[in-house]
Amino acid sequence: MAFGELLTLAMLGMALAGLTGAVLGIYALTCNRVPGRWFARMVRNPRLWGIGVLFMTAGFAYVSVLGLGIMVTAHTVRLTR
């Protein structure tokens, strides 16, 4: 396999991961749910988690760090009703 083919496969994989993250973030933000039973038990605030995922898929380094912090907060902070 040539270097160009490996680079193309890596870029396609990153694009697929970014698209998956964006879809999951929008789903969590709009439906107030995360997919899967195990994951739904882990995340206490799905909308906050969705915003964090959208920030992480933005692609900029400082925004990704902010998104990671928001996702960790979503795992620890309970949803207020």
N, C-alpha and C. Protein backbone atom coordinates (compact mmCIF):
# COMPACT_ATOMS: atom_id res chain seq x y z
N MET A 1 0.85 -1.18 0.00
CA MET A 1 0.00 0.00 0.00
C MET A 1 0.89 1.23 0.00
N ALA A 2 0.58 2.17 -0.84
CA ALA A 2 1.37 3.38 -0.94
C ALA A 2 0.96 4.37 0.14
N PHE A 3 1.81 5.36 0.34
CA PHE A 3 1.56 6.36 1.37
C PHE A 3 0.27 7.12 1.11
N GLY A 4 -0.02 7.42 -0.14
CA GLY A 4 -1.24 8.15 -0.48
C GLY A 4 -2.50 7.37 -0.15
N GLU A 5 -2.44 6.07 -0.35
CA GLU A 5 -3.60 5.24 -0.02
C GLU A 5 -3.83 5.18 1.48
N LEU A 6 -2.75 5.07 2.26
CA LEU A 6 -2.88 5.06 3.71
C LEU A 6 -3.42 6.39 4.22
N LEU A 7 -2.93 7.47 3.64
CA LEU A 7 -3.40 8.80 4.03
C LEU A 7 -4.88 8.98 3.70
N THR A 8 -5.30 8.48 2.56
CA THR A 8 -6.70 8.55 2.17
C THR A 8 -7.58 7.74 3.11
N LEU A 9 -7.14 6.54 3.46
CA LEU A 9 -7.90 5.71 4.40
C LEU A 9 -7.98 6.36 5.78
N ALA A 10 -6.89 6.96 6.22
CA ALA A 10 -6.90 7.63 7.52
C ALA A 10 -7.84 8.83 7.51
N MET A 11 -7.84 9.58 6.43
CA MET A 11 -8.74 10.74 6.34
C MET A 11 -10.20 10.31 6.27
N LEU A 12 -10.48 9.23 5.56
CA LEU A 12 -11.85 8.72 5.51
C LEU A 12 -12.30 8.22 6.88
N GLY A 13 -11.41 7.56 7.61
CA GLY A 13 -11.74 7.11 8.96
C GLY A 13 -12.01 8.27 9.89
N MET A 14 -11.21 9.32 9.80
CA MET A 14 -11.44 10.49 10.65
C MET A 14 -12.74 11.19 10.27
N ALA A 15 -13.05 11.26 8.99
CA ALA A 15 -14.30 11.88 8.56
C ALA A 15 -15.50 11.07 9.05
N LEU A 16 -15.40 9.75 8.99
CA LEU A 16 -16.47 8.89 9.48
C LEU A 16 -16.66 9.04 10.99
N ALA A 17 -15.56 9.11 11.73
CA ALA A 17 -15.64 9.30 13.19
C ALA A 17 -16.25 10.66 13.52
N GLY A 18 -15.88 11.69 12.77
CA GLY A 18 -16.45 13.01 13.00
C GLY A 18 -17.93 13.07 12.68
N LEU A 19 -18.32 12.43 11.61
CA LEU A 19 -19.73 12.40 11.24
C LEU A 19 -20.55 11.62 12.27
N THR A 20 -20.01 10.51 12.75
CA THR A 20 -20.69 9.73 13.78
C THR A 20 -20.85 10.53 15.06
N GLY A 21 -19.79 11.23 15.46
CA GLY A 21 -19.86 12.07 16.65
C GLY A 21 -20.87 13.19 16.51
N ALA A 22 -20.92 13.80 15.34
CA ALA A 22 -21.88 14.89 15.12
C ALA A 22 -23.31 14.37 15.17
N VAL A 23 -23.57 13.22 14.58
CA VAL A 23 -24.92 12.65 14.60
C VAL A 23 -25.32 12.27 16.02
N LEU A 24 -24.41 11.66 16.78
CA LEU A 24 -24.72 11.31 18.16
C LEU A 24 -24.94 12.55 19.03
N GLY A 25 -24.15 13.59 18.80
CA GLY A 25 -24.32 14.82 19.56
C GLY A 25 -25.64 15.51 19.27
N ILE A 26 -26.03 15.56 18.01
CA ILE A 26 -27.31 16.17 17.64
C ILE A 26 -28.47 15.34 18.18
N TYR A 27 -28.35 14.02 18.13
CA TYR A 27 -29.39 13.15 18.67
C TYR A 27 -29.56 13.36 20.17
N ALA A 28 -28.45 13.41 20.89
CA ALA A 28 -28.52 13.61 22.35
C ALA A 28 -29.06 14.99 22.68
N LEU A 29 -28.71 15.98 21.89
CA LEU A 29 -29.16 17.34 22.15
C LEU A 29 -30.64 17.51 21.87
N THR A 30 -31.15 16.93 20.80
CA THR A 30 -32.55 17.14 20.44
C THR A 30 -33.50 16.20 21.16
N CYS A 31 -33.09 14.95 21.38
CA CYS A 31 -34.00 13.96 21.99
C CYS A 31 -33.81 13.79 23.49
N ASN A 32 -32.77 14.41 24.05
CA ASN A 32 -32.45 14.29 25.47
C ASN A 32 -32.22 12.82 25.87
N ARG A 33 -31.62 12.06 24.98
CA ARG A 33 -31.29 10.65 25.21
C ARG A 33 -29.96 10.34 24.55
N VAL A 34 -29.26 9.36 25.09
CA VAL A 34 -28.07 8.83 24.43
C VAL A 34 -28.38 7.41 24.00
N PRO A 35 -27.80 6.94 22.92
CA PRO A 35 -28.13 5.59 22.43
C PRO A 35 -27.51 4.51 23.31
N GLY A 36 -28.23 3.43 23.46
CA GLY A 36 -27.73 2.27 24.19
C GLY A 36 -28.13 2.29 25.66
N ARG A 37 -28.35 1.10 26.21
CA ARG A 37 -28.75 1.00 27.61
C ARG A 37 -27.60 1.32 28.55
N TRP A 38 -26.44 0.74 28.28
CA TRP A 38 -25.30 0.95 29.15
C TRP A 38 -24.89 2.42 29.17
N PHE A 39 -24.86 3.01 27.99
CA PHE A 39 -24.45 4.41 27.88
C PHE A 39 -25.47 5.34 28.52
N ALA A 40 -26.74 4.98 28.43
CA ALA A 40 -27.79 5.80 29.06
C ALA A 40 -27.66 5.79 30.58
N ARG A 41 -27.17 4.69 31.14
CA ARG A 41 -26.95 4.64 32.59
C ARG A 41 -25.74 5.45 33.01
N MET A 42 -24.76 5.56 32.13
CA MET A 42 -23.52 6.27 32.46
C MET A 42 -23.68 7.79 32.41
N VAL A 43 -24.41 8.29 31.42
CA VAL A 43 -24.54 9.73 31.21
C VAL A 43 -25.74 10.24 32.00
N ARG A 44 -25.50 11.20 32.87
CA ARG A 44 -26.58 11.73 33.70
C ARG A 44 -27.30 12.91 33.05
N ASN A 45 -26.61 13.64 32.19
CA ASN A 45 -27.20 14.80 31.53
C ASN A 45 -26.95 14.68 30.02
N PRO A 46 -27.88 14.07 29.28
CA PRO A 46 -27.63 13.79 27.86
C PRO A 46 -27.47 15.04 26.99
N ARG A 47 -28.21 16.09 27.27
CA ARG A 47 -28.07 17.29 26.43
C ARG A 47 -26.71 17.93 26.60
N LEU A 48 -26.22 17.98 27.80
CA LEU A 48 -24.88 18.52 28.04
C LEU A 48 -23.83 17.63 27.38
N TRP A 49 -24.04 16.32 27.41
CA TRP A 49 -23.13 15.41 26.73
C TRP A 49 -23.14 15.66 25.23
N GLY A 50 -24.34 15.88 24.67
CA GLY A 50 -24.44 16.15 23.23
C GLY A 50 -23.72 17.41 22.83
N ILE A 51 -23.80 18.45 23.64
CA ILE A 51 -23.07 19.68 23.34
C ILE A 51 -21.57 19.43 23.40
N GLY A 52 -21.13 18.64 24.38
CA GLY A 52 -19.71 18.30 24.48
C GLY A 52 -19.21 17.53 23.27
N VAL A 53 -20.01 16.60 22.79
CA VAL A 53 -19.61 15.83 21.60
C VAL A 53 -19.54 16.74 20.38
N LEU A 54 -20.49 17.66 20.25
CA LEU A 54 -20.44 18.58 19.12
C LEU A 54 -19.22 19.48 19.18
N PHE A 55 -18.85 19.92 20.38
CA PHE A 55 -17.63 20.72 20.51
C PHE A 55 -16.39 19.89 20.17
N MET A 56 -16.38 18.61 20.58
CA MET A 56 -15.22 17.77 20.28
C MET A 56 -15.08 17.49 18.79
N THR A 57 -16.19 17.40 18.08
CA THR A 57 -16.10 17.13 16.65
C THR A 57 -15.87 18.41 15.84
N ALA A 58 -15.78 19.55 16.50
CA ALA A 58 -15.50 20.80 15.78
C ALA A 58 -14.10 20.78 15.18
N GLY A 59 -13.17 20.10 15.83
CA GLY A 59 -11.86 19.89 15.23
C GLY A 59 -10.76 20.79 15.72
N PHE A 60 -11.06 21.88 16.37
CA PHE A 60 -10.01 22.76 16.87
C PHE A 60 -9.53 22.26 18.22
N ALA A 61 -8.26 22.43 18.53
CA ALA A 61 -7.67 21.86 19.74
C ALA A 61 -8.31 22.41 21.00
N TYR A 62 -8.42 23.72 21.11
CA TYR A 62 -8.97 24.30 22.34
C TYR A 62 -10.46 24.01 22.48
N VAL A 63 -11.19 23.95 21.38
CA VAL A 63 -12.61 23.63 21.45
C VAL A 63 -12.81 22.16 21.81
N SER A 64 -11.92 21.28 21.35
CA SER A 64 -12.01 19.87 21.70
C SER A 64 -11.75 19.64 23.19
N VAL A 65 -10.82 20.40 23.76
CA VAL A 65 -10.56 20.29 25.20
C VAL A 65 -11.77 20.79 25.97
N LEU A 66 -12.38 21.86 25.52
CA LEU A 66 -13.61 22.37 26.15
C LEU A 66 -14.72 21.33 26.04
N GLY A 67 -14.86 20.68 24.89
CA GLY A 67 -15.86 19.64 24.71
C GLY A 67 -15.63 18.45 25.62
N LEU A 68 -14.37 18.08 25.81
CA LEU A 68 -14.06 16.98 26.72
C LEU A 68 -14.46 17.34 28.15
N GLY A 69 -14.20 18.57 28.55
CA GLY A 69 -14.62 19.01 29.88
C GLY A 69 -16.12 19.00 30.04
N ILE A 70 -16.84 19.41 29.01
CA ILE A 70 -18.30 19.39 29.06
C ILE A 70 -18.82 17.96 29.14
N MET A 71 -18.19 17.05 28.41
CA MET A 71 -18.63 15.65 28.46
C MET A 71 -18.40 15.04 29.83
N VAL A 72 -17.28 15.34 30.46
CA VAL A 72 -17.01 14.83 31.81
C VAL A 72 -18.03 15.41 32.78
N THR A 73 -18.36 16.69 32.63
CA THR A 73 -19.37 17.31 33.48
C THR A 73 -20.73 16.63 33.28
N ALA A 74 -21.05 16.25 32.07
CA ALA A 74 -22.33 15.59 31.80
C ALA A 74 -22.41 14.21 32.47
N HIS A 75 -21.27 13.57 32.67
CA HIS A 75 -21.26 12.28 33.35
C HIS A 75 -21.45 12.43 34.85
N THR A 76 -21.13 13.59 35.41
CA THR A 76 -21.15 13.75 36.86
C THR A 76 -22.33 14.56 37.36
N VAL A 77 -22.81 15.53 36.61
CA VAL A 77 -23.87 16.43 37.08
C VAL A 77 -25.23 15.84 36.76
N ARG A 78 -26.10 15.81 37.73
CA ARG A 78 -27.46 15.30 37.53
C ARG A 78 -28.31 16.34 36.79
N LEU A 79 -29.27 15.85 36.05
CA LEU A 79 -30.22 16.71 35.34
C LEU A 79 -31.21 17.29 36.34
N THR A 80 -31.39 18.61 36.32
CA THR A 80 -32.35 19.24 37.23
C THR A 80 -33.70 19.34 36.54
N ARG A 81 -34.74 19.05 37.28
CA ARG A 81 -36.09 19.12 36.71
C ARG A 81 -36.99 19.92 37.59
